[in-house]
Amino acid sequence: MNIIENLYEGNIDPAASIVPRNPEYRVFIQKISDAMLEWKKKLSEDEFAELERLLDLRRELEILQARESFMQGFKIAGQMMVEVLNEKD
């Protein structure tokens, strides 16, 4: 299969295959995990469930923002390629 077919078939999922190489990524993940454990100790079960719902909403927003950023970047890259290919040497 070529890349267009793979994209159409859903075999290419950039968001699922991204593994940040920045060392700060794991530091932040650990900080979030530690903070969530602390909040779980401080809050009642219902309050913690509310916090989790709020964080889930925030994650959904971040997913939408990432999707829009990806699409915008893809469009810009396409425009750049058109410009490069149309440029006369």
N, C-alpha and C. Protein backbone atom coordinates (compact mmCIF):
# COMPACT_ATOMS: atom_id res chain seq x y z
N MET A 1 0.83 -1.19 0.00
CA MET A 1 0.00 0.00 0.00
C MET A 1 0.87 1.25 0.00
N ASN A 2 0.45 2.25 -0.75
CA ASN A 2 1.18 3.51 -0.71
C ASN A 2 0.67 4.37 0.45
N ILE A 3 1.31 5.50 0.65
CA ILE A 3 0.99 6.33 1.82
C ILE A 3 -0.46 6.85 1.77
N ILE A 4 -0.96 7.16 0.59
CA ILE A 4 -2.34 7.65 0.48
C ILE A 4 -3.32 6.57 0.88
N GLU A 5 -3.08 5.35 0.41
CA GLU A 5 -3.95 4.23 0.78
C GLU A 5 -3.89 3.97 2.29
N ASN A 6 -2.69 3.99 2.84
CA ASN A 6 -2.54 3.77 4.28
C ASN A 6 -3.24 4.85 5.09
N LEU A 7 -3.14 6.09 4.63
CA LEU A 7 -3.83 7.18 5.32
C LEU A 7 -5.34 6.98 5.24
N TYR A 8 -5.84 6.63 4.06
CA TYR A 8 -7.27 6.39 3.87
C TYR A 8 -7.77 5.25 4.74
N GLU A 9 -7.00 4.19 4.82
CA GLU A 9 -7.40 3.00 5.58
C GLU A 9 -7.25 3.19 7.09
N GLY A 10 -6.67 4.31 7.50
CA GLY A 10 -6.51 4.56 8.93
C GLY A 10 -5.28 3.90 9.53
N ASN A 11 -4.38 3.46 8.67
CA ASN A 11 -3.16 2.81 9.16
C ASN A 11 -2.11 3.81 9.63
N ILE A 12 -2.30 5.07 9.30
CA ILE A 12 -1.36 6.11 9.72
C ILE A 12 -2.07 6.98 10.74
N ASP A 13 -1.54 7.00 11.94
CA ASP A 13 -2.11 7.81 13.02
C ASP A 13 -0.97 8.53 13.72
N PRO A 14 -0.61 9.71 13.22
CA PRO A 14 0.54 10.43 13.79
C PRO A 14 0.42 10.67 15.29
N ALA A 15 -0.78 10.97 15.75
CA ALA A 15 -0.95 11.26 17.18
C ALA A 15 -0.66 10.04 18.04
N ALA A 16 -0.98 8.86 17.54
CA ALA A 16 -0.77 7.64 18.31
C ALA A 16 0.69 7.19 18.29
N SER A 17 1.42 7.63 17.28
CA SER A 17 2.79 7.16 17.17
C SER A 17 3.82 8.16 17.68
N ILE A 18 3.35 9.28 18.18
CA ILE A 18 4.28 10.29 18.69
C ILE A 18 4.80 9.86 20.06
N VAL A 19 6.10 9.76 20.17
CA VAL A 19 6.74 9.49 21.45
C VAL A 19 7.73 10.64 21.66
N PRO A 20 7.34 11.60 22.51
CA PRO A 20 8.22 12.75 22.71
C PRO A 20 9.62 12.32 23.16
N ARG A 21 10.61 12.91 22.52
CA ARG A 21 12.00 12.59 22.85
C ARG A 21 12.58 13.60 23.81
N ASN A 22 11.85 14.65 24.05
CA ASN A 22 12.31 15.69 24.96
C ASN A 22 12.36 15.10 26.38
N PRO A 23 13.48 15.16 27.05
CA PRO A 23 13.59 14.58 28.39
C PRO A 23 12.65 15.22 29.41
N GLU A 24 12.22 16.44 29.14
CA GLU A 24 11.29 17.11 30.05
C GLU A 24 9.92 16.44 30.06
N TYR A 25 9.59 15.74 28.97
CA TYR A 25 8.29 15.09 28.86
C TYR A 25 8.04 14.13 30.02
N ARG A 26 8.98 13.25 30.26
CA ARG A 26 8.83 12.27 31.35
C ARG A 26 8.79 12.95 32.72
N VAL A 27 9.53 14.04 32.86
CA VAL A 27 9.52 14.80 34.11
C VAL A 27 8.11 15.34 34.36
N PHE A 28 7.51 15.91 33.34
CA PHE A 28 6.16 16.45 33.49
C PHE A 28 5.14 15.35 33.76
N ILE A 29 5.28 14.23 33.08
CA ILE A 29 4.37 13.10 33.31
C ILE A 29 4.44 12.67 34.78
N GLN A 30 5.64 12.58 35.30
CA GLN A 30 5.82 12.18 36.70
C GLN A 30 5.22 13.21 37.65
N LYS A 31 5.42 14.49 37.35
CA LYS A 31 4.87 15.56 38.19
C LYS A 31 3.34 15.50 38.20
N ILE A 32 2.76 15.27 37.05
CA ILE A 32 1.29 15.16 36.97
C ILE A 32 0.80 13.96 37.76
N SER A 33 1.48 12.84 37.60
CA SER A 33 1.10 11.63 38.33
C SER A 33 1.19 11.84 39.84
N ASP A 34 2.28 12.46 40.27
CA ASP A 34 2.45 12.73 41.71
C ASP A 34 1.37 13.67 42.23
N ALA A 35 1.08 14.71 41.45
CA ALA A 35 0.06 15.69 41.86
C ALA A 35 -1.32 15.03 41.95
N MET A 36 -1.62 14.16 40.99
CA MET A 36 -2.92 13.48 41.03
C MET A 36 -3.04 12.60 42.27
N LEU A 37 -1.99 11.94 42.65
CA LEU A 37 -2.02 11.12 43.86
C LEU A 37 -2.26 12.00 45.09
N GLU A 38 -1.62 13.15 45.13
CA GLU A 38 -1.82 14.08 46.26
C GLU A 38 -3.25 14.59 46.32
N TRP A 39 -3.80 14.97 45.15
CA TRP A 39 -5.18 15.45 45.13
C TRP A 39 -6.16 14.34 45.51
N LYS A 40 -5.86 13.13 45.13
CA LYS A 40 -6.73 12.00 45.50
C LYS A 40 -6.77 11.83 47.01
N LYS A 41 -5.65 12.09 47.67
CA LYS A 41 -5.61 12.00 49.14
C LYS A 41 -6.39 13.14 49.79
N LYS A 42 -6.33 14.33 49.19
CA LYS A 42 -6.92 15.54 49.79
C LYS A 42 -8.43 15.64 49.58
N LEU A 43 -8.91 15.14 48.45
CA LEU A 43 -10.31 15.34 48.09
C LEU A 43 -11.16 14.11 48.44
N SER A 44 -12.44 14.38 48.59
CA SER A 44 -13.37 13.25 48.77
C SER A 44 -13.46 12.51 47.43
N GLU A 45 -14.06 11.35 47.47
CA GLU A 45 -14.19 10.55 46.25
C GLU A 45 -14.97 11.31 45.18
N ASP A 46 -16.07 11.97 45.59
CA ASP A 46 -16.89 12.74 44.64
C ASP A 46 -16.13 13.94 44.09
N GLU A 47 -15.41 14.62 44.96
CA GLU A 47 -14.63 15.79 44.52
C GLU A 47 -13.53 15.38 43.55
N PHE A 48 -12.89 14.27 43.84
CA PHE A 48 -11.83 13.80 42.95
C PHE A 48 -12.41 13.39 41.60
N ALA A 49 -13.59 12.80 41.61
CA ALA A 49 -14.26 12.42 40.35
C ALA A 49 -14.57 13.68 39.53
N GLU A 50 -14.98 14.76 40.21
CA GLU A 50 -15.22 16.03 39.51
C GLU A 50 -13.93 16.57 38.90
N LEU A 51 -12.85 16.49 39.65
CA LEU A 51 -11.55 16.93 39.14
C LEU A 51 -11.16 16.12 37.91
N GLU A 52 -11.37 14.82 37.96
CA GLU A 52 -11.04 13.97 36.81
C GLU A 52 -11.89 14.33 35.59
N ARG A 53 -13.18 14.65 35.80
CA ARG A 53 -14.03 15.06 34.69
C ARG A 53 -13.54 16.36 34.07
N LEU A 54 -13.13 17.30 34.92
CA LEU A 54 -12.59 18.57 34.43
C LEU A 54 -11.31 18.33 33.62
N LEU A 55 -10.44 17.49 34.13
CA LEU A 55 -9.20 17.19 33.42
C LEU A 55 -9.46 16.46 32.10
N ASP A 56 -10.50 15.61 32.08
CA ASP A 56 -10.88 14.93 30.84
C ASP A 56 -11.34 15.95 29.79
N LEU A 57 -12.10 16.95 30.23
CA LEU A 57 -12.54 18.00 29.31
C LEU A 57 -11.34 18.76 28.77
N ARG A 58 -10.40 19.05 29.64
CA ARG A 58 -9.18 19.75 29.24
C ARG A 58 -8.40 18.94 28.21
N ARG A 59 -8.32 17.62 28.43
CA ARG A 59 -7.63 16.75 27.48
C ARG A 59 -8.32 16.77 26.11
N GLU A 60 -9.65 16.75 26.12
CA GLU A 60 -10.39 16.80 24.86
C GLU A 60 -10.08 18.09 24.10
N LEU A 61 -10.02 19.20 24.84
CA LEU A 61 -9.67 20.48 24.22
C LEU A 61 -8.26 20.42 23.64
N GLU A 62 -7.32 19.84 24.37
CA GLU A 62 -5.95 19.73 23.89
C GLU A 62 -5.87 18.87 22.63
N ILE A 63 -6.69 17.83 22.56
CA ILE A 63 -6.74 16.98 21.36
C ILE A 63 -7.23 17.79 20.17
N LEU A 64 -8.28 18.59 20.38
CA LEU A 64 -8.79 19.44 19.30
C LEU A 64 -7.73 20.44 18.84
N GLN A 65 -7.04 21.04 19.80
CA GLN A 65 -5.99 22.00 19.46
C GLN A 65 -4.86 21.33 18.69
N ALA A 66 -4.47 20.16 19.10
CA ALA A 66 -3.40 19.42 18.42
C ALA A 66 -3.82 19.08 17.00
N ARG A 67 -5.07 18.66 16.83
CA ARG A 67 -5.58 18.32 15.50
C ARG A 67 -5.54 19.55 14.59
N GLU A 68 -6.00 20.68 15.11
CA GLU A 68 -6.00 21.91 14.32
C GLU A 68 -4.57 22.34 13.96
N SER A 69 -3.66 22.22 14.91
CA SER A 69 -2.26 22.57 14.66
C SER A 69 -1.67 21.66 13.58
N PHE A 70 -1.96 20.37 13.66
CA PHE A 70 -1.46 19.42 12.67
C PHE A 70 -1.99 19.78 11.28
N MET A 71 -3.29 20.02 11.19
CA MET A 71 -3.89 20.34 9.89
C MET A 71 -3.31 21.63 9.33
N GLN A 72 -3.15 22.64 10.18
CA GLN A 72 -2.57 23.90 9.73
C GLN A 72 -1.14 23.70 9.24
N GLY A 73 -0.36 22.94 9.98
CA GLY A 73 1.01 22.65 9.57
C GLY A 73 1.07 21.89 8.26
N PHE A 74 0.15 20.95 8.08
CA PHE A 74 0.09 20.17 6.85
C PHE A 74 -0.23 21.07 5.67
N LYS A 75 -1.19 21.98 5.87
CA LYS A 75 -1.56 22.92 4.80
C LYS A 75 -0.39 23.83 4.44
N ILE A 76 0.30 24.32 5.44
CA ILE A 76 1.46 25.18 5.19
C ILE A 76 2.53 24.41 4.42
N ALA A 77 2.77 23.16 4.82
CA ALA A 77 3.77 22.34 4.12
C ALA A 77 3.35 22.13 2.66
N GLY A 78 2.08 21.90 2.43
CA GLY A 78 1.58 21.73 1.06
C GLY A 78 1.76 22.99 0.24
N GLN A 79 1.46 24.13 0.85
CA GLN A 79 1.65 25.41 0.16
C GLN A 79 3.12 25.64 -0.17
N MET A 80 3.99 25.27 0.76
CA MET A 80 5.43 25.41 0.52
C MET A 80 5.86 24.55 -0.66
N MET A 81 5.37 23.31 -0.73
CA MET A 81 5.74 22.42 -1.82
C MET A 81 5.25 22.97 -3.16
N VAL A 82 4.03 23.51 -3.18
CA VAL A 82 3.51 24.10 -4.42
C VAL A 82 4.41 25.25 -4.85
N GLU A 83 4.79 26.10 -3.90
CA GLU A 83 5.65 27.22 -4.22
C GLU A 83 7.02 26.75 -4.73
N VAL A 84 7.59 25.76 -4.07
CA VAL A 84 8.89 25.24 -4.49
C VAL A 84 8.81 24.63 -5.89
N LEU A 85 7.76 23.85 -6.13
CA LEU A 85 7.63 23.19 -7.42
C LEU A 85 7.31 24.16 -8.56
N ASN A 86 6.67 25.28 -8.24
CA ASN A 86 6.33 26.26 -9.26
C ASN A 86 7.42 27.31 -9.48
N GLU A 87 8.42 27.31 -8.63
CA GLU A 87 9.49 28.30 -8.74
C GLU A 87 10.36 28.01 -9.95
N LYS A 88 10.65 29.07 -10.67
CA LYS A 88 11.53 28.94 -11.83
C LYS A 88 12.95 29.16 -11.39
N ASP A 89 13.85 28.29 -11.82
CA ASP A 89 15.27 28.44 -11.46
C ASP A 89 15.96 29.47 -12.32
